[in-house]
């Protein structure tokens, strides 16, 4: 059977402990933890103690974990997602690497299946070749740290970023780097049908995110409200015997997380029953 998790970026109005309890009570197999200022701030003193407490909670509830690093204003309160691995200032790129390495450290404490991260958007005036050089340098540093800690590093193509398609991910050609496959993103870019991509990249997938999505529009939608063939995606994941967590990501649904968390899993289970 497929194992499902729920991303805490869709429970941003809840305390982390309360979000974990909601996810567990709904029957999920794991939590996709987006590190953020309100959900285990990795840059705040005491992060290690809080991670150890969370590890005990997850273990007691028999929940797996994936670490997500897409918090919008964690590193810079004035610029969304900045600094990135593409930021012109070396100090900024270094801060992003330090954050990702801290995410790996937290993943080791939580025994997480993977740490997912992305490239970022090049700043005006930065040519693609230079951005790719900076990106490869930064990712290599994260990969080294992840290898030392025994953690899977998974890179996510993100619409609008330097690496936005699975073909862009392939072109990075970095040994040891797995693919964080967000199935909805494939409908946004139009590069592949999601189920086909699951089969094509099966040996390389480190983690999977799932949601509904309208073709060409990057808005994460509740199941049944977009154009995704969710049953086909689940069929494909079962066909490749995907053992890792399949993470539901509904980042715009925090205002109704109390209902959306159980509703989403019920929808997926009903889909499999049919």
C-alpha atoms as a PDB file:
ATOM      1  CA  UNK A   1       0.000   0.000   0.000  1.00  0.00           C
ATOM      2  CA  UNK A   2       1.073   3.572  -0.630  1.00  0.00           C
ATOM      3  CA  UNK A   3       2.075   5.613   2.399  1.00  0.00           C
ATOM      4  CA  UNK A   4       0.759   9.177   2.679  1.00  0.00           C
ATOM      5  CA  UNK A   5       1.994  12.240   4.551  1.00  0.00           C
ATOM      6  CA  UNK A   6       0.609  15.763   4.914  1.00  0.00           C
ATOM      7  CA  UNK A   7       2.771  18.871   4.514  1.00  0.00           C
ATOM      8  CA  UNK A   8       2.742  21.229   7.505  1.00  0.00           C
ATOM      9  CA  UNK A   9       2.798  24.247   5.177  1.00  0.00           C
ATOM     10  CA  UNK A  10      -0.902  23.464   4.863  1.00  0.00           C
ATOM     11  CA  UNK A  11      -1.344  23.778   8.628  1.00  0.00           C
ATOM     12  CA  UNK A  12       0.471  27.068   9.158  1.00  0.00           C
ATOM     13  CA  UNK A  13      -2.101  28.377  11.628  1.00  0.00           C
ATOM     14  CA  UNK A  14      -1.625  25.442  13.971  1.00  0.00           C
ATOM     15  CA  UNK A  15       1.109  24.823  16.511  1.00  0.00           C
ATOM     16  CA  UNK A  16       3.414  22.109  15.219  1.00  0.00           C
ATOM     17  CA  UNK A  17       2.385  19.643  17.923  1.00  0.00           C
ATOM     18  CA  UNK A  18      -1.277  20.240  17.107  1.00  0.00           C
ATOM     19  CA  UNK A  19      -0.650  19.828  13.373  1.00  0.00           C
ATOM     20  CA  UNK A  20       1.177  16.550  13.983  1.00  0.00           C
ATOM     21  CA  UNK A  21      -1.708  15.335  16.140  1.00  0.00           C
ATOM     22  CA  UNK A  22      -4.257  16.223  13.441  1.00  0.00           C
ATOM     23  CA  UNK A  23      -2.208  14.425  10.797  1.00  0.00           C
ATOM     24  CA  UNK A  24      -1.776  11.349  12.975  1.00  0.00           C
ATOM     25  CA  UNK A  25      -5.426  11.232  14.034  1.00  0.00           C
ATOM     26  CA  UNK A  26      -6.534  11.416  10.394  1.00  0.00           C
ATOM     27  CA  UNK A  27      -4.587   8.219   9.684  1.00  0.00           C
ATOM     28  CA  UNK A  28      -1.596   9.443   7.705  1.00  0.00           C
ATOM     29  CA  UNK A  29       1.658   7.501   7.704  1.00  0.00           C
ATOM     30  CA  UNK A  30       3.898  10.530   8.023  1.00  0.00           C
ATOM     31  CA  UNK A  31       4.497  14.261   8.152  1.00  0.00           C
ATOM     32  CA  UNK A  32       6.153  16.444   5.519  1.00  0.00           C
ATOM     33  CA  UNK A  33       7.679  19.047   7.816  1.00  0.00           C
ATOM     34  CA  UNK A  34       8.277  22.467   6.279  1.00  0.00           C
ATOM     35  CA  UNK A  35      10.874  24.067   8.529  1.00  0.00           C
ATOM     36  CA  UNK A  36       9.669  27.587   9.340  1.00  0.00           C
ATOM     37  CA  UNK A  37       9.721  30.230  12.033  1.00  0.00           C
ATOM     38  CA  UNK A  38       6.580  28.769  13.620  1.00  0.00           C
ATOM     39  CA  UNK A  39       7.250  25.097  12.859  1.00  0.00           C
ATOM     40  CA  UNK A  40      10.648  24.129  14.271  1.00  0.00           C
ATOM     41  CA  UNK A  41      12.722  27.178  13.334  1.00  0.00           C
ATOM     42  CA  UNK A  42      16.076  25.681  12.317  1.00  0.00           C
ATOM     43  CA  UNK A  43      17.938  28.959  12.868  1.00  0.00           C
ATOM     44  CA  UNK A  44      16.734  29.558  16.432  1.00  0.00           C
ATOM     45  CA  UNK A  45      18.587  28.510  19.581  1.00  0.00           C
ATOM     46  CA  UNK A  46      17.234  25.243  20.913  1.00  0.00           C
ATOM     47  CA  UNK A  47      16.507  23.751  17.495  1.00  0.00           C
ATOM     48  CA  UNK A  48      18.245  20.481  18.381  1.00  0.00           C
ATOM     49  CA  UNK A  49      16.272  20.007  21.607  1.00  0.00           C
ATOM     50  CA  UNK A  50      13.002  20.717  19.801  1.00  0.00           C
ATOM     51  CA  UNK A  51      13.917  18.327  17.002  1.00  0.00           C
ATOM     52  CA  UNK A  52      14.619  15.581  19.509  1.00  0.00           C
ATOM     53  CA  UNK A  53      11.234  16.191  21.181  1.00  0.00           C
ATOM     54  CA  UNK A  54       9.529  16.012  17.796  1.00  0.00           C
ATOM     55  CA  UNK A  55      11.396  12.796  16.995  1.00  0.00           C
ATOM     56  CA  UNK A  56       9.974  11.230  20.148  1.00  0.00           C
ATOM     57  CA  UNK A  57       6.466  12.368  19.208  1.00  0.00           C
ATOM     58  CA  UNK A  58       6.727  11.031  15.666  1.00  0.00           C
ATOM     59  CA  UNK A  59       8.126   7.737  16.908  1.00  0.00           C
ATOM     60  CA  UNK A  60       5.359   7.343  19.469  1.00  0.00           C
ATOM     61  CA  UNK A  61       2.782   7.948  16.733  1.00  0.00           C
ATOM     62  CA  UNK A  62       4.649   5.706  14.257  1.00  0.00           C
ATOM     63  CA  UNK A  63       4.872   8.519  11.741  1.00  0.00           C
ATOM     64  CA  UNK A  64       7.549   8.806   9.078  1.00  0.00           C
ATOM     65  CA  UNK A  65       8.931  12.157   7.983  1.00  0.00           C
ATOM     66  CA  UNK A  66      10.187  14.166   5.029  1.00  0.00           C
ATOM     67  CA  UNK A  67      11.865  17.553   5.511  1.00  0.00           C
ATOM     68  CA  UNK A  68      10.741  20.406   3.249  1.00  0.00           C
ATOM     69  CA  UNK A  69      12.696  23.662   2.921  1.00  0.00           C
ATOM     70  CA  UNK A  70      10.293  25.948   1.045  1.00  0.00           C
ATOM     71  CA  UNK A  71       9.531  28.475   3.795  1.00  0.00           C
ATOM     72  CA  UNK A  72       9.009  31.867   2.183  1.00  0.00           C
ATOM     73  CA  UNK A  73      10.613  34.389   4.555  1.00  0.00           C
ATOM     74  CA  UNK A  74      12.709  32.308   6.925  1.00  0.00           C
ATOM     75  CA  UNK A  75      16.097  33.690   5.863  1.00  0.00           C
ATOM     76  CA  UNK A  76      15.094  37.171   4.721  1.00  0.00           C
ATOM     77  CA  UNK A  77      11.908  38.872   5.996  1.00  0.00           C
ATOM     78  CA  UNK A  78      11.949  41.313   3.055  1.00  0.00           C
ATOM     79  CA  UNK A  79      12.502  38.999   0.077  1.00  0.00           C
ATOM     80  CA  UNK A  80      10.584  35.770  -0.462  1.00  0.00           C
ATOM     81  CA  UNK A  81      12.771  32.666  -0.641  1.00  0.00           C
ATOM     82  CA  UNK A  82      15.998  34.716  -0.554  1.00  0.00           C
ATOM     83  CA  UNK A  83      18.850  34.123  -0.315  1.00  0.00           C
ATOM     84  CA  UNK A  84      19.025  31.085  -2.607  1.00  0.00           C
ATOM     85  CA  UNK A  85      21.751  28.974  -4.120  1.00  0.00           C
ATOM     86  CA  UNK A  86      21.726  31.501  -7.000  1.00  0.00           C
ATOM     87  CA  UNK A  87      22.079  34.721  -4.994  1.00  0.00           C
ATOM     88  CA  UNK A  88      24.967  36.834  -6.406  1.00  0.00           C
ATOM     89  CA  UNK A  89      26.490  37.484  -2.978  1.00  0.00           C
ATOM     90  CA  UNK A  90      28.611  34.558  -1.830  1.00  0.00           C
ATOM     91  CA  UNK A  91      27.553  35.246   1.754  1.00  0.00           C
ATOM     92  CA  UNK A  92      23.904  34.808   0.753  1.00  0.00           C
ATOM     93  CA  UNK A  93      24.559  31.540  -1.044  1.00  0.00           C
ATOM     94  CA  UNK A  94      26.490  30.393   1.991  1.00  0.00           C
ATOM     95  CA  UNK A  95      23.509  31.143   4.245  1.00  0.00           C
ATOM     96  CA  UNK A  96      21.285  29.013   2.031  1.00  0.00           C
ATOM     97  CA  UNK A  97      23.782  26.140   2.132  1.00  0.00           C
ATOM     98  CA  UNK A  98      24.032  26.461   5.927  1.00  0.00           C
ATOM     99  CA  UNK A  99      20.233  26.338   6.184  1.00  0.00           C
ATOM    100  CA  UNK A 100      20.014  23.259   3.955  1.00  0.00           C
ATOM    101  CA  UNK A 101      22.766  21.550   5.927  1.00  0.00           C
ATOM    102  CA  UNK A 102      20.870  22.326   9.129  1.00  0.00           C
ATOM    103  CA  UNK A 103      17.794  20.772   7.509  1.00  0.00           C
ATOM    104  CA  UNK A 104      19.894  17.658   6.894  1.00  0.00           C
ATOM    105  CA  UNK A 105      20.939  17.645  10.561  1.00  0.00           C
ATOM    106  CA  UNK A 106      17.302  17.845  11.632  1.00  0.00           C
ATOM    107  CA  UNK A 107      16.428  15.088   9.163  1.00  0.00           C
ATOM    108  CA  UNK A 108      19.040  12.871  10.808  1.00  0.00           C
ATOM    109  CA  UNK A 109      17.504  13.497  14.239  1.00  0.00           C
ATOM    110  CA  UNK A 110      14.009  12.736  12.916  1.00  0.00           C
ATOM    111  CA  UNK A 111      15.176   9.754  10.832  1.00  0.00           C
ATOM    112  CA  UNK A 112      13.551  11.467   7.854  1.00  0.00           C
ATOM    113  CA  UNK A 113      13.320   9.790   4.473  1.00  0.00           C
ATOM    114  CA  UNK A 114      14.600  12.809   2.536  1.00  0.00           C
ATOM    115  CA  UNK A 115      15.317  16.530   2.535  1.00  0.00           C
ATOM    116  CA  UNK A 116      13.679  18.335  -0.383  1.00  0.00           C
ATOM    117  CA  UNK A 117      15.019  21.632  -1.754  1.00  0.00           C
ATOM    118  CA  UNK A 118      15.051  23.698  -4.954  1.00  0.00           C
ATOM    119  CA  UNK A 119      17.202  26.107  -6.992  1.00  0.00           C
ATOM    120  CA  UNK A 120      15.650  29.555  -6.719  1.00  0.00           C
ATOM    121  CA  UNK A 121      15.164  32.319  -9.278  1.00  0.00           C
ATOM    122  CA  UNK A 122      18.215  34.122 -10.763  1.00  0.00           C
ATOM    123  CA  UNK A 123      18.388  37.789  -9.808  1.00  0.00           C
ATOM    124  CA  UNK A 124      18.261  40.390 -12.599  1.00  0.00           C
ATOM    125  CA  UNK A 125      21.554  40.569 -14.472  1.00  0.00           C
ATOM    126  CA  UNK A 126      22.666  37.031 -13.583  1.00  0.00           C
ATOM    127  CA  UNK A 127      23.238  34.930 -16.702  1.00  0.00           C
ATOM    128  CA  UNK A 128      22.062  31.317 -16.737  1.00  0.00           C
ATOM    129  CA  UNK A 129      25.555  29.842 -17.034  1.00  0.00           C
ATOM    130  CA  UNK A 130      26.749  31.667 -13.935  1.00  0.00           C
ATOM    131  CA  UNK A 131      23.617  30.722 -12.006  1.00  0.00           C
ATOM    132  CA  UNK A 132      24.092  27.063 -12.919  1.00  0.00           C
ATOM    133  CA  UNK A 133      27.701  27.186 -11.736  1.00  0.00           C
ATOM    134  CA  UNK A 134      26.663  28.609  -8.377  1.00  0.00           C
ATOM    135  CA  UNK A 135      23.855  26.068  -8.135  1.00  0.00           C
ATOM    136  CA  UNK A 136      26.105  23.080  -8.779  1.00  0.00           C
ATOM    137  CA  UNK A 137      28.629  24.354  -6.231  1.00  0.00           C
ATOM    138  CA  UNK A 138      25.960  24.767  -3.560  1.00  0.00           C
ATOM    139  CA  UNK A 139      24.211  21.484  -4.235  1.00  0.00           C
ATOM    140  CA  UNK A 140      27.545  19.647  -4.114  1.00  0.00           C
ATOM    141  CA  UNK A 141      28.147  21.015  -0.610  1.00  0.00           C
ATOM    142  CA  UNK A 142      24.702  19.891   0.514  1.00  0.00           C
ATOM    143  CA  UNK A 143      25.201  16.473  -1.045  1.00  0.00           C
ATOM    144  CA  UNK A 144      28.473  16.006   0.829  1.00  0.00           C
ATOM    145  CA  UNK A 145      26.829  16.850   4.142  1.00  0.00           C
ATOM    146  CA  UNK A 146      23.808  14.644   3.401  1.00  0.00           C
ATOM    147  CA  UNK A 147      26.093  11.732   2.560  1.00  0.00           C
ATOM    148  CA  UNK A 148      27.950  12.190   5.848  1.00  0.00           C
ATOM    149  CA  UNK A 149      24.648  12.096   7.766  1.00  0.00           C
ATOM    150  CA  UNK A 150      23.111   9.257   5.719  1.00  0.00           C
ATOM    151  CA  UNK A 151      20.245  11.423   4.438  1.00  0.00           C
ATOM    152  CA  UNK A 152      18.652  11.413   0.974  1.00  0.00           C
ATOM    153  CA  UNK A 153      18.988  14.798  -0.742  1.00  0.00           C
ATOM    154  CA  UNK A 154      16.085  15.347  -3.150  1.00  0.00           C
ATOM    155  CA  UNK A 155      16.008  18.258  -5.598  1.00  0.00           C
ATOM    156  CA  UNK A 156      12.636  19.640  -6.688  1.00  0.00           C
ATOM    157  CA  UNK A 157      12.036  21.228 -10.095  1.00  0.00           C
ATOM    158  CA  UNK A 158       9.854  24.270  -9.408  1.00  0.00           C
ATOM    159  CA  UNK A 159       7.894  26.234 -12.046  1.00  0.00           C
ATOM    160  CA  UNK A 160       9.495  29.629 -12.634  1.00  0.00           C
ATOM    161  CA  UNK A 161      12.831  28.712 -11.055  1.00  0.00           C
ATOM    162  CA  UNK A 162      16.156  28.026 -12.749  1.00  0.00           C
ATOM    163  CA  UNK A 163      15.467  24.291 -12.547  1.00  0.00           C
ATOM    164  CA  UNK A 164      11.767  24.003 -13.340  1.00  0.00           C
ATOM    165  CA  UNK A 165      11.435  20.739 -15.294  1.00  0.00           C
ATOM    166  CA  UNK A 166      12.543  17.166 -14.794  1.00  0.00           C
ATOM    167  CA  UNK A 167      14.726  17.605 -17.862  1.00  0.00           C
ATOM    168  CA  UNK A 168      16.448  20.519 -16.102  1.00  0.00           C
ATOM    169  CA  UNK A 169      17.010  18.195 -13.134  1.00  0.00           C
ATOM    170  CA  UNK A 170      18.503  15.567 -15.415  1.00  0.00           C
ATOM    171  CA  UNK A 171      20.854  18.139 -16.941  1.00  0.00           C
ATOM    172  CA  UNK A 172      22.336  18.917 -13.508  1.00  0.00           C
ATOM    173  CA  UNK A 173      23.904  15.448 -13.634  1.00  0.00           C
ATOM    174  CA  UNK A 174      25.007  15.426 -10.007  1.00  0.00           C
ATOM    175  CA  UNK A 175      25.723  11.913  -8.666  1.00  0.00           C
ATOM    176  CA  UNK A 176      23.799  11.144  -5.502  1.00  0.00           C
ATOM    177  CA  UNK A 177      21.120  13.789  -6.098  1.00  0.00           C
ATOM    178  CA  UNK A 178      17.625  12.287  -6.181  1.00  0.00           C
ATOM    179  CA  UNK A 179      14.485  13.819  -7.656  1.00  0.00           C
ATOM    180  CA  UNK A 180      11.810  15.449  -5.502  1.00  0.00           C
ATOM    181  CA  UNK A 181       8.899  14.913  -7.868  1.00  0.00           C
ATOM    182  CA  UNK A 182       5.932  17.219  -7.386  1.00  0.00           C
ATOM    183  CA  UNK A 183       3.319  15.672  -9.659  1.00  0.00           C
ATOM    184  CA  UNK A 184       1.267  18.842  -9.962  1.00  0.00           C
ATOM    185  CA  UNK A 185       4.227  20.821 -11.254  1.00  0.00           C
ATOM    186  CA  UNK A 186       4.272  18.615 -14.335  1.00  0.00           C
ATOM    187  CA  UNK A 187       0.831  19.918 -15.263  1.00  0.00           C
ATOM    188  CA  UNK A 188       2.030  23.495 -14.823  1.00  0.00           C
ATOM    189  CA  UNK A 189       5.039  23.169 -17.113  1.00  0.00           C
ATOM    190  CA  UNK A 190       3.334  20.721 -19.472  1.00  0.00           C
ATOM    191  CA  UNK A 191       6.530  18.734 -19.872  1.00  0.00           C
ATOM    192  CA  UNK A 192       5.157  15.269 -19.026  1.00  0.00           C
ATOM    193  CA  UNK A 193       1.975  13.607 -17.947  1.00  0.00           C
ATOM    194  CA  UNK A 194       2.484  13.013 -14.221  1.00  0.00           C
ATOM    195  CA  UNK A 195       1.896   9.258 -14.305  1.00  0.00           C
ATOM    196  CA  UNK A 196       4.339   8.880 -17.196  1.00  0.00           C
ATOM    197  CA  UNK A 197       7.001  10.785 -15.284  1.00  0.00           C
ATOM    198  CA  UNK A 198       6.621   8.424 -12.333  1.00  0.00           C
ATOM    199  CA  UNK A 199       7.503   5.480 -14.565  1.00  0.00           C
ATOM    200  CA  UNK A 200      10.276   7.316 -16.410  1.00  0.00           C
ATOM    201  CA  UNK A 201      12.089   8.563 -13.315  1.00  0.00           C
ATOM    202  CA  UNK A 202      11.273   5.689 -10.965  1.00  0.00           C
ATOM    203  CA  UNK A 203      14.921   4.823 -10.148  1.00  0.00           C
ATOM    204  CA  UNK A 204      15.701   8.435  -9.217  1.00  0.00           C
ATOM    205  CA  UNK A 205      12.746   9.528  -7.074  1.00  0.00           C
ATOM    206  CA  UNK A 206      13.659  10.515  -3.531  1.00  0.00           C
ATOM    207  CA  UNK A 207      10.276  11.897  -2.509  1.00  0.00           C
ATOM    208  CA  UNK A 208       6.899  12.667  -4.095  1.00  0.00           C
ATOM    209  CA  UNK A 209       4.428  15.505  -3.537  1.00  0.00           C
ATOM    210  CA  UNK A 210       0.837  15.258  -4.717  1.00  0.00           C
ATOM    211  CA  UNK A 211      -2.095  17.653  -4.977  1.00  0.00           C
ATOM    212  CA  UNK A 212      -4.575  18.664  -7.641  1.00  0.00           C
ATOM    213  CA  UNK A 213      -3.546  21.297 -10.196  1.00  0.00           C
ATOM    214  CA  UNK A 214      -5.071  23.035 -13.188  1.00  0.00           C
ATOM    215  CA  UNK A 215      -3.031  22.762 -16.361  1.00  0.00           C
ATOM    216  CA  UNK A 216      -0.693  25.710 -16.734  1.00  0.00           C
ATOM    217  CA  UNK A 217      -1.552  27.314 -13.382  1.00  0.00           C
ATOM    218  CA  UNK A 218       0.708  26.936 -10.366  1.00  0.00           C
ATOM    219  CA  UNK A 219      -1.905  26.809  -7.618  1.00  0.00           C
ATOM    220  CA  UNK A 220      -2.062  23.780  -5.316  1.00  0.00           C
ATOM    221  CA  UNK A 221      -5.695  22.665  -5.247  1.00  0.00           C
ATOM    222  CA  UNK A 222      -7.643  20.202  -3.118  1.00  0.00           C
ATOM    223  CA  UNK A 223      -8.247  16.876  -4.787  1.00  0.00           C
ATOM    224  CA  UNK A 224     -11.031  16.932  -7.322  1.00  0.00           C
ATOM    225  CA  UNK A 225     -10.728  20.644  -8.107  1.00  0.00           C
ATOM    226  CA  UNK A 226      -8.114  20.516 -10.893  1.00  0.00           C
ATOM    227  CA  UNK A 227      -7.062  18.557 -13.955  1.00  0.00           C
ATOM    228  CA  UNK A 228      -4.830  15.923 -12.335  1.00  0.00           C
ATOM    229  CA  UNK A 229      -5.611  12.285 -13.014  1.00  0.00           C
ATOM    230  CA  UNK A 230      -4.950  11.310  -9.417  1.00  0.00           C
ATOM    231  CA  UNK A 231      -5.935   7.627  -9.838  1.00  0.00           C
ATOM    232  CA  UNK A 232      -3.433   7.278 -12.693  1.00  0.00           C
ATOM    233  CA  UNK A 233      -0.706   8.825 -10.543  1.00  0.00           C
ATOM    234  CA  UNK A 234      -1.440   6.454  -7.686  1.00  0.00           C
ATOM    235  CA  UNK A 235      -1.547   3.511 -10.094  1.00  0.00           C
ATOM    236  CA  UNK A 236       1.889   4.522 -11.381  1.00  0.00           C
ATOM    237  CA  UNK A 237       3.353   4.832  -7.884  1.00  0.00           C
ATOM    238  CA  UNK A 238       2.005   1.417  -6.987  1.00  0.00           C
ATOM    239  CA  UNK A 239       3.321  -0.044 -10.237  1.00  0.00           C
ATOM    240  CA  UNK A 240       6.885   1.051  -9.429  1.00  0.00           C
ATOM    241  CA  UNK A 241       6.435  -0.206  -5.844  1.00  0.00           C
ATOM    242  CA  UNK A 242       7.099   3.224  -4.369  1.00  0.00           C
ATOM    243  CA  UNK A 243       7.826   2.689  -0.681  1.00  0.00           C
ATOM    244  CA  UNK A 244       8.478   6.253   0.477  1.00  0.00           C
ATOM    245  CA  UNK A 245       5.952   8.790   1.674  1.00  0.00           C
ATOM    246  CA  UNK A 246       3.641  10.437  -0.853  1.00  0.00           C
ATOM    247  CA  UNK A 247       3.232  13.947   0.548  1.00  0.00           C
ATOM    248  CA  UNK A 248      -0.003  15.895   0.177  1.00  0.00           C
ATOM    249  CA  UNK A 249       0.901  19.571  -0.303  1.00  0.00           C
ATOM    250  CA  UNK A 250      -1.950  22.059   0.065  1.00  0.00           C
ATOM    251  CA  UNK A 251      -0.095  25.204   1.067  1.00  0.00           C
ATOM    252  CA  UNK A 252      -3.118  27.483   0.536  1.00  0.00           C
ATOM    253  CA  UNK A 253      -5.448  25.524   2.809  1.00  0.00           C
ATOM    254  CA  UNK A 254      -4.157  26.399   6.293  1.00  0.00           C
ATOM    255  CA  UNK A 255      -7.329  28.333   7.068  1.00  0.00           C
ATOM    256  CA  UNK A 256      -9.279  25.071   6.968  1.00  0.00           C
ATOM    257  CA  UNK A 257      -6.596  22.540   7.845  1.00  0.00           C
ATOM    258  CA  UNK A 258      -8.815  20.937  10.475  1.00  0.00           C
ATOM    259  CA  UNK A 259     -11.115  19.672   7.722  1.00  0.00           C
ATOM    260  CA  UNK A 260      -8.698  19.513   4.787  1.00  0.00           C
ATOM    261  CA  UNK A 261      -6.229  17.167   6.493  1.00  0.00           C
ATOM    262  CA  UNK A 262      -8.724  14.307   7.015  1.00  0.00           C
ATOM    263  CA  UNK A 263     -10.662  15.124   3.839  1.00  0.00           C
ATOM    264  CA  UNK A 264      -7.579  14.746   1.653  1.00  0.00           C
ATOM    265  CA  UNK A 265      -6.668  11.320   2.974  1.00  0.00           C
ATOM    266  CA  UNK A 266     -10.265  10.163   2.744  1.00  0.00           C
ATOM    267  CA  UNK A 267     -10.309  11.301  -0.898  1.00  0.00           C
ATOM    268  CA  UNK A 268      -7.134   9.366  -1.699  1.00  0.00           C
ATOM    269  CA  UNK A 269      -8.395   6.245   0.022  1.00  0.00           C
ATOM    270  CA  UNK A 270     -11.748   6.432  -1.740  1.00  0.00           C
ATOM    271  CA  UNK A 271      -9.872   6.855  -5.001  1.00  0.00           C
ATOM    272  CA  UNK A 272      -7.984   3.611  -4.376  1.00  0.00           C
ATOM    273  CA  UNK A 273     -11.142   1.818  -3.312  1.00  0.00           C
ATOM    274  CA  UNK A 274     -12.768   2.707  -6.616  1.00  0.00           C
END
